[in-house]
N, C-alpha and C. Protein backbone atom coordinates (compact mmCIF):
# COMPACT_ATOMS: atom_id res chain seq x y z
N MET A 1 101.40 85.32 59.64
CA MET A 1 101.26 84.75 60.97
C MET A 1 100.21 85.55 61.75
N TYR A 2 99.43 84.87 62.51
CA TYR A 2 98.35 85.49 63.29
C TYR A 2 98.95 86.21 64.50
N GLU A 3 98.60 87.50 64.68
CA GLU A 3 99.08 88.25 65.79
C GLU A 3 97.96 88.36 66.81
N GLN A 4 98.28 88.05 68.04
CA GLN A 4 97.27 88.08 69.10
C GLN A 4 97.21 89.45 69.73
N THR A 5 96.02 89.88 70.03
CA THR A 5 95.87 91.13 70.77
C THR A 5 95.74 90.78 72.24
N GLU A 6 95.81 91.81 73.07
CA GLU A 6 95.68 91.56 74.50
C GLU A 6 94.29 91.07 74.85
N LEU A 7 93.28 91.41 74.06
CA LEU A 7 91.92 90.94 74.35
C LEU A 7 91.78 89.46 73.99
N ASP A 8 92.52 89.00 72.98
CA ASP A 8 92.44 87.58 72.60
C ASP A 8 92.85 86.68 73.75
N VAL A 9 93.74 87.15 74.58
CA VAL A 9 94.26 86.30 75.67
C VAL A 9 93.15 85.95 76.66
N LEU A 10 92.15 86.82 76.78
CA LEU A 10 91.05 86.56 77.69
C LEU A 10 90.04 85.52 77.19
N THR A 11 90.08 85.23 75.88
CA THR A 11 89.14 84.31 75.31
C THR A 11 89.78 82.97 74.87
N MET A 12 91.07 82.84 75.06
CA MET A 12 91.76 81.62 74.65
C MET A 12 91.40 80.42 75.56
N ARG A 13 91.31 79.28 74.92
CA ARG A 13 91.08 78.04 75.69
C ARG A 13 92.35 77.64 76.43
N ARG A 14 93.46 77.77 75.75
CA ARG A 14 94.75 77.44 76.32
C ARG A 14 95.67 78.59 76.11
N LEU A 15 96.25 79.08 77.20
CA LEU A 15 97.17 80.22 77.13
C LEU A 15 98.55 79.79 76.69
N PRO A 16 99.31 80.66 76.00
CA PRO A 16 100.70 80.31 75.65
C PRO A 16 101.54 80.28 76.92
N ALA A 17 102.70 79.70 76.84
CA ALA A 17 103.59 79.55 77.99
C ALA A 17 104.13 80.91 78.48
N ARG A 18 104.27 81.85 77.56
CA ARG A 18 104.73 83.16 77.96
C ARG A 18 103.84 84.24 77.38
N LEU A 19 103.73 85.33 78.11
CA LEU A 19 102.83 86.43 77.74
C LEU A 19 103.67 87.69 77.57
N ASN A 20 103.26 88.56 76.64
CA ASN A 20 103.94 89.85 76.52
C ASN A 20 103.36 90.84 77.56
N VAL A 21 103.85 92.05 77.53
CA VAL A 21 103.45 93.04 78.55
C VAL A 21 101.94 93.34 78.45
N GLU A 22 101.43 93.53 77.27
CA GLU A 22 100.02 93.86 77.09
C GLU A 22 99.13 92.73 77.57
N GLN A 23 99.45 91.50 77.21
CA GLN A 23 98.67 90.35 77.63
C GLN A 23 98.72 90.18 79.16
N THR A 24 99.90 90.37 79.73
CA THR A 24 100.06 90.25 81.18
C THR A 24 99.25 91.29 81.87
N ALA A 25 99.29 92.52 81.41
CA ALA A 25 98.51 93.61 82.01
C ALA A 25 97.02 93.27 81.97
N LYS A 26 96.54 92.78 80.83
CA LYS A 26 95.13 92.46 80.69
C LYS A 26 94.73 91.36 81.67
N LEU A 27 95.55 90.31 81.79
CA LEU A 27 95.23 89.22 82.71
C LEU A 27 95.20 89.65 84.17
N LEU A 28 96.10 90.58 84.52
CA LEU A 28 96.15 91.04 85.90
C LEU A 28 95.17 92.18 86.21
N GLY A 29 94.62 92.78 85.15
CA GLY A 29 93.66 93.84 85.36
C GLY A 29 94.29 95.23 85.51
N PHE A 30 95.47 95.38 84.92
CA PHE A 30 96.17 96.68 84.97
C PHE A 30 96.30 97.18 83.53
N THR A 31 96.76 98.41 83.40
CA THR A 31 97.00 98.97 82.07
C THR A 31 98.47 98.76 81.69
N ASP A 32 98.75 98.96 80.40
CA ASP A 32 100.13 98.85 79.93
C ASP A 32 101.05 99.85 80.64
N LEU A 33 100.52 101.02 80.92
CA LEU A 33 101.32 102.08 81.56
C LEU A 33 101.64 101.73 83.01
N GLU A 34 100.91 100.85 83.62
CA GLU A 34 101.14 100.47 84.99
C GLU A 34 102.13 99.31 85.14
N MET A 35 102.44 98.66 84.06
CA MET A 35 103.33 97.50 84.11
C MET A 35 104.75 97.86 84.61
N PRO A 36 105.35 98.98 84.16
CA PRO A 36 106.68 99.33 84.72
C PRO A 36 106.65 99.56 86.23
N ILE A 37 105.54 100.06 86.72
CA ILE A 37 105.39 100.24 88.17
C ILE A 37 105.40 98.88 88.84
N LEU A 38 104.69 97.92 88.28
CA LEU A 38 104.62 96.57 88.90
C LEU A 38 105.98 95.88 88.82
N MET A 39 106.75 96.19 87.79
CA MET A 39 108.09 95.56 87.65
C MET A 39 109.09 96.17 88.61
N LYS A 40 108.78 97.34 89.19
CA LYS A 40 109.69 97.95 90.18
C LYS A 40 109.15 97.83 91.59
N MET A 41 107.98 97.25 91.73
CA MET A 41 107.30 97.17 93.00
C MET A 41 108.12 96.39 94.07
N LYS A 42 108.06 96.87 95.28
CA LYS A 42 108.74 96.17 96.37
C LYS A 42 107.68 95.66 97.33
N PRO A 43 107.84 94.58 97.95
CA PRO A 43 108.99 93.69 98.02
C PRO A 43 109.03 92.63 96.94
N LYS A 44 107.93 92.41 96.22
CA LYS A 44 107.89 91.36 95.23
C LYS A 44 107.55 91.92 93.85
N PRO A 45 108.59 92.35 93.09
CA PRO A 45 108.30 92.89 91.77
C PRO A 45 107.90 91.82 90.75
N LEU A 46 107.22 92.24 89.74
CA LEU A 46 106.87 91.37 88.65
C LEU A 46 108.08 91.21 87.76
N LEU A 47 108.64 90.01 87.69
CA LEU A 47 109.90 89.82 86.98
C LEU A 47 109.69 89.20 85.60
N PRO A 48 110.24 89.82 84.55
CA PRO A 48 110.16 89.24 83.21
C PRO A 48 111.09 88.02 83.10
N LEU A 49 110.82 87.20 82.10
CA LEU A 49 111.65 86.03 81.83
C LEU A 49 113.02 86.45 81.28
N GLY A 50 114.03 85.73 81.66
CA GLY A 50 115.37 86.05 81.16
C GLY A 50 115.89 87.34 81.76
N ASP A 51 116.73 88.02 81.01
CA ASP A 51 117.30 89.29 81.45
C ASP A 51 117.22 90.28 80.29
N PRO A 52 115.98 90.73 79.98
CA PRO A 52 115.83 91.62 78.83
C PRO A 52 116.43 93.00 79.08
N PRO A 53 116.94 93.62 78.06
CA PRO A 53 117.44 95.00 78.21
C PRO A 53 116.29 95.93 78.57
N PRO A 54 116.60 97.12 79.15
CA PRO A 54 115.53 98.03 79.56
C PRO A 54 114.55 98.41 78.42
N ASN A 55 115.07 98.53 77.21
CA ASN A 55 114.22 98.90 76.09
C ASN A 55 113.78 97.70 75.24
N GLY A 56 114.01 96.47 75.74
CA GLY A 56 113.68 95.26 74.97
C GLY A 56 112.27 94.75 75.26
N HIS A 57 111.82 93.80 74.46
CA HIS A 57 110.53 93.15 74.68
C HIS A 57 110.61 92.30 75.94
N LYS A 58 109.56 92.35 76.72
CA LYS A 58 109.53 91.59 77.96
C LYS A 58 108.41 90.57 77.89
N PHE A 59 108.70 89.36 78.39
CA PHE A 59 107.74 88.29 78.43
C PHE A 59 107.69 87.76 79.85
N PHE A 60 106.50 87.26 80.23
CA PHE A 60 106.30 86.75 81.56
C PHE A 60 105.74 85.33 81.50
N ALA A 61 106.08 84.50 82.52
CA ALA A 61 105.60 83.14 82.58
C ALA A 61 104.12 83.14 82.91
N THR A 62 103.34 82.50 82.06
CA THR A 62 101.89 82.49 82.25
C THR A 62 101.48 81.89 83.58
N GLU A 63 102.13 80.82 83.95
CA GLU A 63 101.79 80.11 85.21
C GLU A 63 101.97 81.06 86.41
N GLU A 64 103.08 81.81 86.39
CA GLU A 64 103.33 82.76 87.49
C GLU A 64 102.30 83.89 87.50
N ILE A 65 101.93 84.36 86.34
CA ILE A 65 100.95 85.47 86.24
C ILE A 65 99.59 84.99 86.72
N LEU A 66 99.20 83.78 86.39
CA LEU A 66 97.90 83.27 86.84
C LEU A 66 97.90 83.12 88.36
N GLN A 67 99.02 82.68 88.94
CA GLN A 67 99.11 82.55 90.39
C GLN A 67 98.99 83.95 91.06
N LEU A 68 99.65 84.94 90.48
CA LEU A 68 99.57 86.31 91.01
C LEU A 68 98.15 86.83 90.88
N ALA A 69 97.51 86.56 89.76
CA ALA A 69 96.14 87.04 89.55
C ALA A 69 95.15 86.46 90.55
N ALA A 70 95.47 85.28 91.10
CA ALA A 70 94.62 84.63 92.09
C ALA A 70 95.01 85.00 93.52
N ASN A 71 96.12 85.72 93.68
CA ASN A 71 96.64 86.08 94.99
C ASN A 71 96.11 87.46 95.39
N ARG A 72 95.12 87.44 96.30
CA ARG A 72 94.47 88.70 96.73
C ARG A 72 95.46 89.63 97.39
N ASP A 73 96.36 89.12 98.21
CA ASP A 73 97.32 89.98 98.89
C ASP A 73 98.27 90.68 97.89
N TRP A 74 98.76 89.94 96.90
CA TRP A 74 99.63 90.54 95.93
C TRP A 74 98.89 91.61 95.12
N LEU A 75 97.65 91.31 94.73
CA LEU A 75 96.86 92.27 93.97
C LEU A 75 96.62 93.54 94.78
N ALA A 76 96.37 93.41 96.07
CA ALA A 76 96.18 94.59 96.91
C ALA A 76 97.44 95.41 96.99
N LYS A 77 98.60 94.76 97.16
CA LYS A 77 99.88 95.47 97.21
C LYS A 77 100.19 96.15 95.88
N ALA A 78 99.91 95.45 94.80
CA ALA A 78 100.15 96.02 93.46
C ALA A 78 99.24 97.22 93.22
N SER A 79 97.99 97.14 93.62
CA SER A 79 97.06 98.25 93.45
C SER A 79 97.52 99.44 94.28
N LYS A 80 97.98 99.19 95.51
CA LYS A 80 98.50 100.27 96.36
C LYS A 80 99.73 100.92 95.74
N ALA A 81 100.62 100.09 95.18
CA ALA A 81 101.85 100.63 94.57
C ALA A 81 101.51 101.52 93.40
N VAL A 82 100.55 101.09 92.56
CA VAL A 82 100.14 101.90 91.41
C VAL A 82 99.50 103.21 91.86
N THR A 83 98.63 103.11 92.86
CA THR A 83 97.98 104.30 93.39
C THR A 83 99.00 105.27 93.97
N ALA A 84 99.95 104.77 94.73
CA ALA A 84 100.99 105.62 95.33
C ALA A 84 101.81 106.28 94.26
N HIS A 85 102.17 105.52 93.22
CA HIS A 85 102.98 106.08 92.12
C HIS A 85 102.28 107.25 91.46
N TRP A 86 100.97 107.07 91.10
CA TRP A 86 100.28 108.14 90.42
C TRP A 86 99.98 109.32 91.35
N LYS A 87 99.81 109.03 92.62
CA LYS A 87 99.61 110.14 93.60
C LYS A 87 100.86 111.03 93.64
N VAL A 88 102.04 110.42 93.75
CA VAL A 88 103.28 111.19 93.79
C VAL A 88 103.46 111.95 92.45
N LYS A 89 103.21 111.27 91.37
CA LYS A 89 103.36 111.91 90.06
C LYS A 89 102.41 113.09 89.89
N ASN A 90 101.18 112.94 90.33
CA ASN A 90 100.20 114.02 90.22
C ASN A 90 100.55 115.20 91.16
N GLN A 91 101.05 114.88 92.36
CA GLN A 91 101.47 115.94 93.26
C GLN A 91 102.63 116.72 92.66
N ARG A 92 103.56 116.03 92.06
CA ARG A 92 104.71 116.68 91.44
C ARG A 92 104.23 117.57 90.30
N HIS A 93 103.30 117.09 89.51
CA HIS A 93 102.75 117.88 88.40
C HIS A 93 102.02 119.09 88.93
N GLN A 94 101.20 118.92 89.99
CA GLN A 94 100.47 120.06 90.57
C GLN A 94 101.46 121.11 91.08
N HIS A 95 102.55 120.64 91.70
CA HIS A 95 103.55 121.56 92.22
C HIS A 95 104.17 122.40 91.10
N LEU A 96 104.51 121.72 90.01
CA LEU A 96 105.11 122.41 88.86
C LEU A 96 104.14 123.41 88.24
N VAL A 97 102.89 123.03 88.16
CA VAL A 97 101.88 123.88 87.59
C VAL A 97 101.69 125.12 88.49
N THR A 98 101.60 124.89 89.80
CA THR A 98 101.45 125.98 90.77
C THR A 98 102.63 126.93 90.74
N VAL A 99 103.83 126.38 90.76
CA VAL A 99 105.04 127.20 90.73
C VAL A 99 105.12 127.98 89.40
N GLY A 100 104.83 127.31 88.32
CA GLY A 100 104.87 127.94 86.99
C GLY A 100 103.87 129.08 86.88
N SER A 101 102.65 128.86 87.38
CA SER A 101 101.63 129.92 87.24
C SER A 101 101.91 131.05 88.21
N ALA A 102 102.50 130.76 89.37
CA ALA A 102 102.81 131.82 90.32
C ALA A 102 103.89 132.74 89.78
N SER A 103 104.91 132.15 89.11
CA SER A 103 105.98 132.98 88.58
C SER A 103 105.50 133.79 87.36
N SER A 104 104.55 133.26 86.60
CA SER A 104 104.09 134.00 85.43
C SER A 104 103.07 135.06 85.82
N SER A 105 102.43 134.92 87.02
CA SER A 105 101.43 135.90 87.40
C SER A 105 102.08 137.17 87.95
N VAL A 106 103.33 137.08 88.35
CA VAL A 106 104.05 138.27 88.83
C VAL A 106 104.72 138.91 87.62
N ARG A 107 104.02 139.83 87.04
CA ARG A 107 104.55 140.47 85.83
C ARG A 107 104.94 141.91 86.16
N ARG A 108 105.97 142.28 85.58
CA ARG A 108 106.41 143.66 85.74
C ARG A 108 105.88 144.49 84.59
N SER A 109 105.57 145.71 84.93
CA SER A 109 105.07 146.59 83.85
C SER A 109 106.26 146.95 82.97
N PRO A 110 106.05 147.07 81.71
CA PRO A 110 107.17 147.39 80.84
C PRO A 110 107.68 148.83 81.12
N ARG A 111 108.95 148.97 80.88
CA ARG A 111 109.54 150.29 81.08
C ARG A 111 108.99 151.26 80.03
N PRO A 112 108.74 152.49 80.46
CA PRO A 112 108.26 153.44 79.43
C PRO A 112 109.40 153.77 78.47
N ILE A 113 109.08 153.92 77.26
CA ILE A 113 110.08 154.24 76.24
C ILE A 113 110.31 155.75 76.27
N PRO A 114 111.56 156.18 76.49
CA PRO A 114 111.82 157.61 76.56
C PRO A 114 111.62 158.24 75.17
N LEU A 115 110.98 159.36 75.18
CA LEU A 115 110.77 160.10 73.93
C LEU A 115 111.93 161.04 73.72
N SER A 116 112.54 160.97 72.58
CA SER A 116 113.65 161.89 72.33
C SER A 116 113.10 163.19 71.68
N ALA A 117 113.59 164.23 72.13
CA ALA A 117 113.11 165.51 71.64
C ALA A 117 113.88 166.03 70.48
């Protein structure tokens, strides 16, 4: 069976009725890593079809994705949500790196070993 890649979806004449996460990301102009952010976005999250488990495959309705891709306001909100997410994550990482390097820079000199006579 022919397996479609996310790039194939951009060259298809007719899109399938449902898209996987990679295809959806490609159509919306986001990366795979940003899709979970879009699915948690408020006030209008990107909702997968059905009720997939957290670790299950997720599919999205093509018609809905195409409408969102044409909606400038939604794209702006989604872009802001992704930017805010990575900003917080990078700040948290910077804080951990700063705290970690500060604690390791304060080194105590080793105790001298007593010489026994």
